[in-house]
């Protein structure tokens, strides 16, 4: 009985130490940034993980395999979203193209293909005309793409994304926003290799904070 009691006491001492070690593993300011003002997410029942990207960014393209693997293995309490970065005026047409594809329901078909066309094959796809031609090559009606590209629906999505990104305070891409509260990037201490370990840590932090 005394031996069992000693083991129980030892376990009670170990568990808090383990939890403390885990909480100390990733530090705010080094591995992630906590936003001063949280940004509301669409679904309070899920932990939202949002990627900020730009089709012209080679680092975003390089991150795609790791990102896709993480998304495929993410638990069901995580909701993954993408948002085109709009930090520079030259990125605007890529943002419109992404949202046009979203409205047309072809993101899954065209997202990786556009990255590949730009970065593997060196295609210059940076304005509406060239992007319309690319989407046409993917089976999207060119006239329909141009119509949606300039539509009120896409303009609204762009304005909403700009407003959120101001609150995310992200100056570059790729960046990951966890539940509207934390920002993680490949330039921080964990680097590209440890990015999703930090994301996992923050996802669990948000999950455990729920009532």
Protein backbone atom coordinates (compact mmCIF):
# COMPACT_ATOMS: atom_id res chain seq x y z
CA UNK A 1 0.00 0.00 0.00
CA UNK A 2 2.85 2.38 0.86
CA UNK A 3 4.51 1.68 -2.51
CA UNK A 4 1.26 2.45 -4.37
CA UNK A 5 0.83 5.66 -2.39
CA UNK A 6 4.37 6.77 -3.27
CA UNK A 7 3.71 6.08 -6.96
CA UNK A 8 0.49 8.08 -6.87
CA UNK A 9 2.24 11.04 -5.28
CA UNK A 10 5.04 10.80 -7.86
CA UNK A 11 2.55 10.86 -10.73
CA UNK A 12 0.83 13.91 -9.26
CA UNK A 13 4.19 15.66 -9.22
CA UNK A 14 5.18 14.58 -12.75
CA UNK A 15 1.99 15.62 -14.56
CA UNK A 16 2.17 19.32 -13.63
CA UNK A 17 5.85 19.35 -14.58
CA UNK A 18 5.05 17.80 -17.97
CA UNK A 19 2.30 20.31 -18.61
CA UNK A 20 4.63 23.13 -17.63
CA UNK A 21 7.36 21.82 -19.94
CA UNK A 22 4.90 21.67 -22.83
CA UNK A 23 3.68 25.21 -22.20
CA UNK A 24 7.32 26.42 -22.11
CA UNK A 25 8.23 24.69 -25.37
CA UNK A 26 6.92 27.50 -27.58
CA UNK A 27 7.19 31.09 -26.49
CA UNK A 28 5.11 34.09 -27.52
CA UNK A 29 7.29 36.47 -29.48
CA UNK A 30 9.75 33.76 -30.55
CA UNK A 31 7.51 31.07 -32.03
CA UNK A 32 4.22 32.92 -32.46
CA UNK A 33 2.56 36.29 -31.98
CA UNK A 34 -0.57 36.75 -29.92
CA UNK A 35 -2.80 39.34 -31.55
CA UNK A 36 -3.67 42.30 -29.35
CA UNK A 37 -7.25 42.14 -30.57
CA UNK A 38 -8.68 38.72 -31.54
CA UNK A 39 -10.44 38.50 -34.89
CA UNK A 40 -13.84 36.77 -34.86
CA UNK A 41 -14.02 33.42 -36.66
CA UNK A 42 -16.97 32.10 -38.64
CA UNK A 43 -17.58 28.94 -36.60
CA UNK A 44 -17.21 29.10 -32.81
CA UNK A 45 -17.57 25.30 -32.61
CA UNK A 46 -14.28 24.77 -34.44
CA UNK A 47 -10.70 25.92 -33.98
CA UNK A 48 -10.01 27.87 -37.15
CA UNK A 49 -6.63 27.59 -38.85
CA UNK A 50 -6.23 30.06 -41.71
CA UNK A 51 -3.39 30.29 -44.20
CA UNK A 52 -2.41 33.64 -45.70
CA UNK A 53 -0.71 33.06 -49.06
CA UNK A 54 0.19 34.67 -52.37
CA UNK A 55 0.42 32.72 -55.61
CA UNK A 56 3.60 34.61 -56.53
CA UNK A 57 5.37 33.64 -53.29
CA UNK A 58 7.96 30.84 -53.69
CA UNK A 59 7.88 30.17 -49.94
CA UNK A 60 4.11 29.61 -50.08
CA UNK A 61 4.62 27.21 -52.96
CA UNK A 62 7.36 25.35 -51.04
CA UNK A 63 5.06 25.07 -48.02
CA UNK A 64 2.20 23.48 -49.98
CA UNK A 65 3.22 19.78 -49.49
CA UNK A 66 3.59 20.19 -45.71
CA UNK A 67 0.39 22.21 -45.51
CA UNK A 68 -1.61 19.67 -47.51
CA UNK A 69 -0.30 16.84 -45.32
CA UNK A 70 -1.22 18.74 -42.16
CA UNK A 71 -4.72 19.53 -43.46
CA UNK A 72 -5.30 15.88 -44.39
CA UNK A 73 -4.39 14.79 -40.85
CA UNK A 74 -6.07 17.62 -38.94
CA UNK A 75 -8.61 16.55 -36.29
CA UNK A 76 -12.30 17.12 -36.91
CA UNK A 77 -12.46 20.01 -34.43
CA UNK A 78 -10.21 22.06 -36.74
CA UNK A 79 -11.60 24.13 -39.62
CA UNK A 80 -9.01 25.02 -42.25
CA UNK A 81 -9.35 28.06 -44.50
CA UNK A 82 -7.25 29.91 -47.03
CA UNK A 83 -7.08 33.65 -47.58
CA UNK A 84 -5.07 35.34 -50.34
CA UNK A 85 -2.59 37.86 -48.99
CA UNK A 86 -3.29 41.45 -50.05
CA UNK A 87 -0.31 43.22 -48.52
CA UNK A 88 0.78 44.71 -51.87
CA UNK A 89 -1.25 46.19 -54.72
CA UNK A 90 0.47 43.82 -57.16
CA UNK A 91 -1.08 40.88 -55.30
CA UNK A 92 -4.65 42.06 -55.89
CA UNK A 93 -5.35 40.20 -59.14
CA UNK A 94 -4.18 36.92 -57.60
CA UNK A 95 -6.55 37.56 -54.71
CA UNK A 96 -9.43 38.24 -57.11
CA UNK A 97 -8.57 35.08 -59.06
CA UNK A 98 -8.69 32.97 -55.88
CA UNK A 99 -12.07 34.37 -54.87
CA UNK A 100 -13.42 34.03 -58.42
CA UNK A 101 -12.39 30.37 -58.31
CA UNK A 102 -14.09 30.07 -54.92
CA UNK A 103 -17.35 31.55 -56.27
CA UNK A 104 -17.15 29.23 -59.30
CA UNK A 105 -16.45 26.22 -57.06
CA UNK A 106 -13.13 25.29 -58.70
CA UNK A 107 -10.56 26.07 -55.97
CA UNK A 108 -9.78 22.39 -55.32
CA UNK A 109 -9.13 21.90 -59.03
CA UNK A 110 -7.12 25.05 -59.73
CA UNK A 111 -5.31 26.14 -56.54
CA UNK A 112 -2.28 23.86 -56.74
CA UNK A 113 -2.28 24.04 -60.54
CA UNK A 114 -1.84 27.83 -60.48
CA UNK A 115 1.05 27.58 -58.03
CA UNK A 116 2.68 24.96 -60.26
CA UNK A 117 2.18 26.96 -63.45
CA UNK A 118 3.91 29.98 -61.91
CA UNK A 119 6.74 28.36 -59.97
CA UNK A 120 7.52 25.15 -61.83
CA UNK A 121 6.80 26.26 -65.37
CA UNK A 122 7.59 29.96 -65.04
CA UNK A 123 4.34 31.22 -66.52
CA UNK A 124 3.71 34.94 -66.10
CA UNK A 125 0.21 34.92 -64.65
CA UNK A 126 -0.15 38.25 -62.88
CA UNK A 127 -3.06 40.10 -64.51
CA UNK A 128 -6.69 39.41 -65.34
CA UNK A 129 -6.11 38.50 -68.99
CA UNK A 130 -3.37 35.95 -68.33
CA UNK A 131 -5.22 34.52 -65.34
CA UNK A 132 -8.40 34.16 -67.39
CA UNK A 133 -6.40 32.21 -69.95
CA UNK A 134 -4.99 29.96 -67.25
CA UNK A 135 -8.40 29.19 -65.77
CA UNK A 136 -9.72 28.50 -69.26
CA UNK A 137 -6.95 25.90 -69.62
CA UNK A 138 -8.35 24.28 -66.48
CA UNK A 139 -11.83 23.95 -67.98
CA UNK A 140 -13.34 27.18 -66.65
CA UNK A 141 -15.37 29.25 -69.12
CA UNK A 142 -13.26 32.35 -69.79
CA UNK A 143 -16.19 34.73 -70.12
CA UNK A 144 -17.70 33.43 -66.90
CA UNK A 145 -14.36 33.81 -65.10
CA UNK A 146 -14.00 37.43 -66.27
CA UNK A 147 -17.54 38.20 -65.19
CA UNK A 148 -17.03 36.79 -61.70
CA UNK A 149 -13.52 38.29 -61.42
CA UNK A 150 -15.05 41.78 -61.66
CA UNK A 151 -18.22 40.98 -59.71
CA UNK A 152 -19.57 42.57 -56.54
CA UNK A 153 -19.23 39.20 -54.77
CA UNK A 154 -15.47 39.07 -55.36
CA UNK A 155 -15.05 42.75 -54.51
CA UNK A 156 -16.84 42.14 -51.19
CA UNK A 157 -14.59 39.17 -50.39
CA UNK A 158 -11.51 41.28 -51.16
CA UNK A 159 -12.68 44.09 -48.86
CA UNK A 160 -13.45 41.64 -46.05
CA UNK A 161 -10.04 40.01 -46.45
CA UNK A 162 -8.27 43.40 -46.35
CA UNK A 163 -10.09 44.33 -43.15
CA UNK A 164 -9.16 41.05 -41.46
CA UNK A 165 -5.56 41.24 -42.58
CA UNK A 166 -5.16 44.65 -41.02
CA UNK A 167 -6.19 43.06 -37.73
CA UNK A 168 -3.94 40.03 -38.28
CA UNK A 169 -1.04 42.51 -38.61
CA UNK A 170 0.76 40.18 -40.99
CA UNK A 171 3.45 41.87 -43.07
CA UNK A 172 4.24 38.88 -45.26
CA UNK A 173 3.34 35.38 -46.36
CA UNK A 174 3.10 32.51 -45.74
CA UNK A 175 1.48 33.09 -42.38
CA UNK A 176 -0.89 30.94 -40.33
CA UNK A 177 -3.59 32.48 -38.14
CA UNK A 178 -4.86 30.19 -35.37
CA UNK A 179 -8.42 30.84 -34.23
CA UNK A 180 -8.14 34.56 -34.93
CA UNK A 181 -5.79 34.94 -31.94
CA UNK A 182 -2.29 33.85 -32.93
CA UNK A 183 -0.04 34.40 -35.94
CA UNK A 184 2.74 31.99 -36.91
CA UNK A 185 5.16 32.36 -39.81
CA UNK A 186 8.03 30.46 -41.38
CA UNK A 187 10.43 33.29 -40.47
CA UNK A 188 9.92 32.76 -36.74
CA UNK A 189 12.08 30.58 -34.48
CA UNK A 190 10.59 27.17 -35.43
CA UNK A 191 11.16 27.85 -39.14
CA UNK A 192 9.30 26.05 -41.95
CA UNK A 193 10.15 22.64 -40.48
CA UNK A 194 8.60 23.36 -37.10
CA UNK A 195 5.77 25.62 -38.25
CA UNK A 196 3.00 23.06 -37.88
CA UNK A 197 4.30 21.85 -34.52
CA UNK A 198 3.67 25.38 -33.27
CA UNK A 199 0.27 25.42 -35.01
CA UNK A 200 -0.63 22.13 -33.30
CA UNK A 201 0.44 23.56 -29.94
CA UNK A 202 -1.78 26.62 -30.42
CA UNK A 203 -4.72 24.55 -31.68
CA UNK A 204 -4.59 22.44 -28.53
CA UNK A 205 -4.17 25.57 -26.42
CA UNK A 206 -7.40 26.94 -27.91
CA UNK A 207 -9.20 23.63 -27.60
CA UNK A 208 -8.26 23.18 -23.93
CA UNK A 209 -9.36 26.75 -23.15
CA UNK A 210 -12.93 25.99 -24.08
CA UNK A 211 -15.48 25.52 -21.29
